[in-house]
Amino acid sequence: MPLPLFEDKNSFNYSSGYQITNEEPEIFRRMLGKRRFAVAGSIASAGEIPFFVLAQRCDKIIAVDHSYYSLVAAFTKAILLDEIGFQKIRQMLYDEQYNDLMQICQNAVSKLPDTLRLHALKPYQSITTDALRGMRKEWMQTAVGMPYHVAKMLDKITFVHGDLDDLKEYAPLD
């Protein structure tokens, strides 16, 4: 399946970021109900909101973040969703197969867009066991109402390295 696009719009790099979201996707899904959108703007964070909230509601998603750190995590998860699927990732998290999943994440680095791959090679950019434990919480809760075929929706997403001001060129956003 096609992966999300990546566009580097801003030279600023916030030195930290998220490997997992702290935004509880199930709450956002419940708040949005059955609403649908043509084009949505979102903070990319670590990818869970674009993947698990917006992908099934939007024709196109522009997910922006000023941190390569967060974008590396989000794009790595997109590769995992594409290659092994939501159910397999969830099962590995449930079974606490963190070493196996970390190895799969490290292998995904070679498939990142060039700019993200350069940032992923920095030691602090690799996905950690702690991040996978956090993903376990997020991805277990995400199962309720989650379409397991999210990998088929990844090509709706454009990850943008930049800030909210960089979203103007994609306007109008719903």
Protein backbone atom coordinates (compact mmCIF):
# COMPACT_ATOMS: atom_id res chain seq x y z
CA MET A 1 0.00 0.00 0.00
CA PRO A 2 1.16 3.56 -0.53
CA LEU A 3 2.68 5.28 2.50
CA PRO A 4 1.97 8.84 3.61
CA LEU A 5 3.79 11.68 1.92
CA PHE A 6 6.41 13.74 3.72
CA GLU A 7 7.17 17.42 3.09
CA ASP A 8 9.88 19.41 4.84
CA LYS A 9 8.60 23.00 4.99
CA ASN A 10 10.53 24.58 7.82
CA SER A 11 14.17 24.50 8.93
CA PHE A 12 13.34 24.78 12.63
CA ASN A 13 13.71 21.52 14.53
CA TYR A 14 12.31 21.31 18.00
CA SER A 15 14.75 19.01 19.74
CA SER A 16 12.24 16.86 21.57
CA GLY A 17 8.86 15.43 20.69
CA TYR A 18 6.67 12.42 21.16
CA GLN A 19 7.12 8.76 20.33
CA ILE A 20 3.60 8.09 21.53
CA THR A 21 0.68 10.45 21.68
CA ASN A 22 -0.85 11.47 24.97
CA GLU A 23 -4.09 12.58 23.37
CA GLU A 24 -6.37 9.56 23.86
CA PRO A 25 -7.66 8.96 20.32
CA GLU A 26 -10.84 7.26 21.51
CA ILE A 27 -12.04 10.50 23.13
CA PHE A 28 -11.54 12.43 19.88
CA ARG A 29 -13.34 9.71 17.90
CA ARG A 30 -16.27 9.91 20.29
CA MET A 31 -16.37 13.74 20.12
CA LEU A 32 -16.34 13.74 16.30
CA GLY A 33 -19.05 11.08 16.09
CA LYS A 34 -19.94 10.37 12.47
CA ARG A 35 -18.71 13.68 11.07
CA ARG A 36 -16.72 13.50 7.82
CA PHE A 37 -14.31 16.02 6.34
CA ALA A 38 -12.74 16.65 2.95
CA VAL A 39 -9.40 18.00 4.24
CA ALA A 40 -8.32 18.02 7.88
CA GLY A 41 -5.38 19.74 9.51
CA SER A 42 -3.81 18.07 12.51
CA ILE A 43 -0.78 18.09 14.72
CA ALA A 44 1.17 14.98 13.73
CA SER A 45 2.53 14.25 17.21
CA ALA A 46 3.38 10.54 17.10
CA GLY A 47 0.72 9.67 14.53
CA GLU A 48 -2.16 8.18 16.51
CA ILE A 49 -4.61 11.04 15.88
CA PRO A 50 -4.06 11.06 12.09
CA PHE A 51 -4.14 7.24 11.95
CA PHE A 52 -6.91 6.37 14.39
CA VAL A 53 -9.16 9.43 14.43
CA LEU A 54 -8.90 11.22 11.11
CA ALA A 55 -8.04 8.55 8.50
CA GLN A 56 -11.51 7.01 8.52
CA ARG A 57 -13.24 10.43 8.52
CA CYS A 58 -11.26 12.46 6.00
CA ASP A 59 -10.40 12.33 2.33
CA LYS A 60 -7.06 14.04 3.04
CA ILE A 61 -5.08 14.81 6.19
CA ILE A 62 -2.28 17.32 6.59
CA ALA A 63 -0.45 16.46 9.82
CA VAL A 64 2.16 19.03 10.83
CA ASP A 65 4.83 18.95 13.52
CA HIS A 66 7.93 21.03 14.19
CA SER A 67 9.78 18.05 15.63
CA TYR A 68 11.58 15.53 13.45
CA TYR A 69 11.57 13.33 16.56
CA SER A 70 7.76 13.04 16.47
CA LEU A 71 7.64 12.70 12.68
CA VAL A 72 10.16 9.85 12.73
CA ALA A 73 7.94 8.02 15.24
CA ALA A 74 4.76 8.70 13.24
CA PHE A 75 6.24 7.66 9.90
CA THR A 76 7.84 4.56 11.41
CA LYS A 77 4.40 3.54 12.71
CA ALA A 78 2.96 4.10 9.22
CA ILE A 79 5.57 1.69 7.83
CA LEU A 80 4.69 -0.85 10.53
CA LEU A 81 0.98 -0.51 9.78
CA ASP A 82 1.70 -1.03 6.11
CA GLU A 83 4.04 -3.98 6.55
CA ILE A 84 2.57 -6.00 9.42
CA GLY A 85 -0.82 -4.40 10.06
CA PHE A 86 -2.68 -3.06 13.06
CA GLN A 87 -3.77 -6.43 14.45
CA LYS A 88 -0.24 -7.90 14.40
CA ILE A 89 1.27 -4.78 16.02
CA ARG A 90 -1.46 -4.85 18.66
CA GLN A 91 -0.85 -8.53 19.37
CA MET A 92 2.90 -7.97 19.69
CA LEU A 93 2.28 -5.10 22.11
CA TYR A 94 -0.23 -7.19 24.07
CA ASP A 95 2.24 -10.08 24.31
CA GLU A 96 5.01 -7.63 25.30
CA GLN A 97 7.21 -8.65 22.36
CA TYR A 98 9.07 -5.35 22.66
CA ASN A 99 12.46 -6.61 21.46
CA ASP A 100 10.91 -8.09 18.31
CA LEU A 101 8.92 -4.92 17.69
CA MET A 102 11.98 -2.72 18.28
CA GLN A 103 13.86 -4.76 15.68
CA ILE A 104 11.02 -4.27 13.19
CA CYS A 105 11.08 -0.53 13.93
CA GLN A 106 14.83 -0.39 13.36
CA ASN A 107 14.40 -2.18 10.02
CA ALA A 108 11.74 0.37 9.05
CA VAL A 109 14.30 3.18 9.32
CA SER A 110 15.71 2.25 5.90
CA LYS A 111 12.28 2.96 4.39
CA LEU A 112 11.83 6.42 5.90
CA PRO A 113 12.01 9.45 3.59
CA ASP A 114 15.62 10.65 3.34
CA THR A 115 15.28 13.64 5.69
CA LEU A 116 13.53 11.60 8.37
CA ARG A 117 16.04 8.78 8.00
CA LEU A 118 18.88 11.20 8.76
CA HIS A 119 17.14 12.22 11.96
CA ALA A 120 16.27 8.64 12.86
CA LEU A 121 19.92 7.68 12.85
CA LYS A 122 20.58 9.88 15.87
CA PRO A 123 20.60 7.64 18.95
CA TYR A 124 17.79 9.49 20.74
CA GLN A 125 15.51 9.13 17.71
CA SER A 126 15.08 5.38 17.75
CA ILE A 127 11.86 3.99 19.17
CA THR A 128 12.50 2.81 22.71
CA THR A 129 11.06 0.06 24.88
CA ASP A 130 9.42 2.75 27.02
CA ALA A 131 7.72 4.17 23.93
CA LEU A 132 6.45 0.72 23.01
CA ARG A 133 5.02 0.30 26.52
CA GLY A 134 3.23 3.60 26.03
CA MET A 135 2.05 2.49 22.59
CA ARG A 136 0.63 -0.61 24.25
CA LYS A 137 -1.72 1.54 26.34
CA GLU A 138 -2.73 3.72 23.39
CA TRP A 139 -3.15 0.94 20.85
CA MET A 140 -5.07 -1.37 23.22
CA GLN A 141 -7.62 1.37 23.93
CA THR A 142 -7.76 2.27 20.25
CA ALA A 143 -9.24 -1.12 19.37
CA VAL A 144 -12.80 -0.05 20.15
CA GLY A 145 -14.34 1.16 16.91
CA MET A 146 -10.99 1.08 15.12
CA PRO A 147 -10.94 -0.07 11.52
CA TYR A 148 -8.29 -2.75 11.28
CA HIS A 149 -7.63 -1.76 7.68
CA VAL A 150 -6.05 1.59 8.62
CA ALA A 151 -3.02 0.67 6.46
CA LYS A 152 -5.23 1.10 3.38
CA MET A 153 -5.81 4.73 4.42
CA LEU A 154 -2.20 5.83 4.92
CA ASP A 155 -1.94 7.49 1.52
CA LYS A 156 -4.49 10.08 2.67
CA ILE A 157 -1.90 11.53 5.06
CA THR A 158 0.78 14.10 4.33
CA PHE A 159 3.21 14.60 7.19
CA VAL A 160 4.66 18.11 7.14
CA HIS A 161 7.73 19.20 9.07
CA GLY A 162 6.84 22.76 10.00
CA ASP A 163 4.50 24.68 12.23
CA LEU A 164 0.87 25.72 12.05
CA ASP A 165 1.76 28.71 9.89
CA ASP A 166 2.97 26.26 7.22
CA LEU A 167 -0.56 24.84 6.91
CA LYS A 168 -1.73 28.00 5.06
CA GLU A 169 -0.65 26.62 1.71
CA TYR A 170 -2.98 23.63 2.20
CA ALA A 171 -6.02 25.77 3.02
CA PRO A 172 -8.91 25.61 3.16
CA LEU A 173 -9.01 22.95 5.86
CA ASP A 174 -12.23 21.59 7.31
